Amino acid sequence: MKNIILILTVLLVGKSQIQAQKLKEVLNANEVTMKQNIYQFKVESLDGSQFDFSTLRGKKVLVVNTASKCGLTPQYTDLQALYEEYGSDKFVIVGFPANDFMKQEPGTAEEIAEFCSKNYGVTFPMMSKITVKGQEMHPLYKFLTQKSKNGLQDSEVEWNFQKYLLNENGELVKVINPKVSPKDESIVNWIKG
């Protein structure tokens, strides 16, 4: 009798452990594919005011990390042209200065704002300088670069002017290499689509 009770106990415990493991796997699978959106974020703009991404509901959003002393800095021209042509109730560009790549954005908020305005006539929203890689990565960029948060893909910010495209629901839909022009057909077609 003791042997039967022992065997039944082992079977029940074993079955419970298997069920617990299966439940854990299901929960982990759901967690990995759980898609968040950008509307949860509030950041500081270059002028020090709060910028709430939830105000962009219904718009396509291009998020880009920028730098003033980079070989790709002239992309500000195409970003501004794109914003002037398509920026409206349906599309916006949000720039994030970052000093993560060869210290190519050393300026203060005031210096960055003056540089962008004076040299490129930037009128799209520019945020305060943040970190887009490493231990100090801003939570917004954790969302943009981690599949477990964005539901699309893991990515690394390769350099200044990497572009993240978000749909009207605030969900990441595409990551664009820094060297690709903001006026590239793939971006323009996405905006128009």
Protein backbone atom coordinates (compact mmCIF):
# COMPACT_ATOMS: atom_id res chain seq x y z
CA MET A 1 0.00 0.00 0.00
CA LYS A 2 2.84 2.39 0.87
CA ASN A 3 4.38 1.68 -2.53
CA ILE A 4 1.12 2.55 -4.34
CA ILE A 5 0.79 5.84 -2.42
CA LEU A 6 4.43 6.65 -3.18
CA ILE A 7 3.94 5.91 -6.90
CA LEU A 8 0.74 8.02 -7.04
CA THR A 9 2.51 10.89 -5.22
CA VAL A 10 5.42 10.79 -7.68
CA LEU A 11 3.01 10.75 -10.64
CA LEU A 12 0.94 13.67 -9.31
CA VAL A 13 4.00 15.76 -8.45
CA GLY A 14 5.58 14.96 -11.79
CA LYS A 15 2.37 15.87 -13.63
CA SER A 16 2.08 19.13 -11.67
CA GLN A 17 5.67 20.04 -12.53
CA ILE A 18 5.04 19.32 -16.21
CA GLN A 19 1.86 21.42 -16.16
CA ALA A 20 3.67 24.22 -14.33
CA GLN A 21 6.47 24.12 -16.91
CA LYS A 22 3.97 24.23 -19.79
CA LEU A 23 2.18 27.19 -18.19
CA LYS A 24 5.50 28.99 -17.72
CA GLU A 25 6.37 28.40 -21.41
CA VAL A 26 3.00 29.78 -22.53
CA LEU A 27 3.37 32.85 -20.31
CA ASN A 28 6.93 33.47 -21.56
CA ALA A 29 5.82 33.08 -25.19
CA ASN A 30 3.05 35.63 -24.65
CA GLU A 31 5.43 38.00 -22.90
CA VAL A 32 7.90 37.88 -25.80
CA THR A 33 5.25 38.79 -28.36
CA MET A 34 3.34 41.29 -26.22
CA LYS A 35 3.31 44.41 -28.34
CA GLN A 36 3.47 47.77 -26.56
CA ASN A 37 3.16 51.18 -28.17
CA ILE A 38 4.96 54.49 -27.98
CA TYR A 39 2.05 56.30 -26.34
CA GLN A 40 3.24 55.32 -22.86
CA PHE A 41 6.23 57.68 -23.09
CA LYS A 42 6.62 61.27 -21.98
CA VAL A 43 9.94 62.94 -22.70
CA GLU A 44 11.49 66.37 -22.41
CA SER A 45 11.78 68.57 -25.48
CA LEU A 46 14.78 70.79 -26.25
CA ASP A 47 12.99 73.78 -24.73
CA GLY A 48 12.46 71.86 -21.47
CA SER A 49 8.72 71.29 -21.85
CA GLN A 50 7.14 67.86 -21.58
CA PHE A 51 6.34 66.02 -24.81
CA ASP A 52 3.67 63.34 -24.48
CA PHE A 53 3.69 60.73 -27.24
CA SER A 54 0.01 60.00 -26.57
CA THR A 55 -0.74 63.30 -28.34
CA LEU A 56 0.41 61.60 -31.57
CA ARG A 57 -2.38 59.00 -31.64
CA GLY A 58 -3.53 58.41 -35.20
CA LYS A 59 -0.29 59.69 -36.76
CA LYS A 60 2.58 57.84 -38.33
CA VAL A 61 5.78 58.69 -36.46
CA LEU A 62 9.41 58.63 -37.56
CA VAL A 63 11.77 58.62 -34.55
CA VAL A 64 15.41 59.43 -35.30
CA ASN A 65 18.52 59.82 -33.15
CA THR A 66 20.51 62.84 -34.32
CA ALA A 67 23.97 64.44 -33.96
CA SER A 68 25.38 67.81 -35.02
CA LYS A 69 28.95 66.71 -35.79
CA CYS A 70 28.38 63.57 -37.83
CA GLY A 71 28.95 62.78 -41.48
CA LEU A 72 25.20 62.05 -41.64
CA THR A 73 24.20 65.41 -40.09
CA PRO A 74 23.14 66.75 -43.54
CA GLN A 75 20.20 64.31 -43.25
CA TYR A 76 18.57 67.12 -41.26
CA THR A 77 17.91 68.75 -44.65
CA ASP A 78 15.98 65.74 -45.95
CA LEU A 79 14.22 65.19 -42.62
CA GLN A 80 13.01 68.80 -42.67
CA ALA A 81 11.95 68.52 -46.33
CA LEU A 82 10.05 65.31 -45.52
CA TYR A 83 8.36 67.02 -42.59
CA GLU A 84 7.41 70.05 -44.67
CA GLU A 85 5.97 67.88 -47.43
CA TYR A 86 4.15 65.23 -45.37
CA GLY A 87 4.01 66.53 -41.80
CA SER A 88 0.40 67.12 -40.85
CA ASP A 89 -2.34 65.48 -38.87
CA LYS A 90 -1.11 62.14 -40.24
CA PHE A 91 2.71 62.20 -39.93
CA VAL A 92 5.37 63.61 -37.61
CA ILE A 93 9.13 63.32 -37.11
CA VAL A 94 10.57 63.32 -33.60
CA GLY A 95 14.31 63.85 -33.22
CA PHE A 96 16.44 62.73 -30.29
CA PRO A 97 19.95 64.19 -30.08
CA ALA A 98 22.38 61.60 -28.72
CA ASN A 99 26.09 61.75 -27.93
CA ASP A 100 26.63 57.98 -28.08
CA PHE A 101 28.70 57.69 -31.24
CA MET A 102 32.15 59.26 -31.12
CA LYS A 103 30.77 62.12 -28.99
CA GLN A 104 29.23 63.73 -32.09
CA GLU A 105 26.52 65.58 -30.17
CA PRO A 106 28.38 67.42 -27.40
CA GLY A 107 26.15 70.53 -27.27
CA THR A 108 23.69 71.72 -24.68
CA ALA A 109 19.97 71.81 -25.43
CA GLU A 110 20.25 75.49 -26.36
CA GLU A 111 23.24 74.87 -28.65
CA ILE A 112 21.51 71.95 -30.37
CA ALA A 113 18.32 73.98 -30.90
CA GLU A 114 20.28 76.89 -32.34
CA PHE A 115 22.33 74.59 -34.59
CA CYS A 116 19.24 72.81 -35.96
CA SER A 117 17.36 76.04 -36.58
CA LYS A 118 20.23 78.09 -37.99
CA ASN A 119 21.76 75.43 -40.24
CA TYR A 120 18.77 73.32 -41.28
CA GLY A 121 15.62 75.27 -40.42
CA VAL A 122 14.36 72.34 -38.35
CA THR A 123 10.73 72.76 -37.28
CA PHE A 124 9.87 69.15 -36.41
CA PRO A 125 9.84 68.29 -32.69
CA MET A 126 13.31 67.90 -31.19
CA MET A 127 13.73 66.36 -27.77
CA SER A 128 16.41 66.74 -25.12
CA LYS A 129 19.59 64.75 -25.51
CA ILE A 130 19.27 61.12 -24.43
CA THR A 131 21.30 57.91 -24.50
CA VAL A 132 20.29 55.42 -27.20
CA LYS A 133 22.58 52.49 -26.37
CA GLY A 134 24.29 50.74 -23.48
CA GLN A 135 23.50 50.66 -19.77
CA GLU A 136 22.04 54.17 -19.70
CA MET A 137 19.71 53.62 -22.68
CA HIS A 138 16.55 55.71 -22.41
CA PRO A 139 13.36 53.65 -21.83
CA LEU A 140 11.94 54.86 -25.17
CA TYR A 141 14.91 53.33 -26.98
CA LYS A 142 14.58 50.14 -24.96
CA PHE A 143 11.05 49.96 -26.39
CA LEU A 144 12.31 50.65 -29.92
CA THR A 145 15.16 48.10 -29.76
CA GLN A 146 13.70 45.18 -27.78
CA LYS A 147 11.28 42.72 -29.37
CA SER A 148 9.91 41.85 -25.93
CA LYS A 149 8.66 45.45 -25.74
CA ASN A 150 7.93 46.43 -29.37
CA GLY A 151 6.62 43.05 -30.61
CA LEU A 152 8.46 43.37 -33.94
CA GLN A 153 12.20 42.81 -33.63
CA ASP A 154 15.36 43.25 -31.63
CA SER A 155 17.70 45.86 -33.07
CA GLU A 156 20.72 47.89 -32.11
CA VAL A 157 21.10 51.56 -32.84
CA GLU A 158 23.96 51.29 -35.33
CA TRP A 159 24.84 54.99 -35.61
CA ASN A 160 23.39 58.48 -35.64
CA PHE A 161 20.28 58.96 -37.80
CA GLN A 162 18.84 55.47 -37.41
CA LYS A 163 15.13 55.72 -38.13
CA TYR A 164 12.23 53.94 -36.44
CA LEU A 165 8.84 53.95 -38.16
CA LEU A 166 5.72 53.65 -36.04
CA ASN A 167 2.19 53.22 -37.34
CA GLU A 168 -0.95 55.17 -36.41
CA ASN A 169 -1.39 52.89 -33.38
CA GLY A 170 2.06 53.78 -32.03
CA GLU A 171 3.47 50.35 -32.89
CA LEU A 172 6.93 49.84 -34.37
CA VAL A 173 6.67 48.62 -37.96
CA LYS A 174 10.16 49.12 -39.42
CA VAL A 175 13.76 50.00 -38.56
CA ILE A 176 15.74 51.94 -41.16
CA ASN A 177 19.54 51.95 -41.39
CA PRO A 178 21.24 55.29 -40.57
CA LYS A 179 22.73 55.65 -44.06
CA VAL A 180 19.34 55.43 -45.77
CA SER A 181 18.12 58.90 -46.75
CA PRO A 182 14.96 60.13 -45.06
CA LYS A 183 13.58 60.74 -48.57
CA ASP A 184 14.19 57.14 -49.62
CA GLU A 185 11.30 55.61 -51.55
CA SER A 186 10.67 53.02 -48.80
CA ILE A 187 10.05 55.79 -46.24
CA VAL A 188 8.04 58.04 -48.56
CA ASN A 189 5.84 55.12 -49.68
CA TRP A 190 5.29 54.14 -46.04
CA ILE A 191 4.17 57.69 -45.20
CA LYS A 192 1.82 57.81 -48.20
CA GLY A 193 0.45 54.29 -47.60
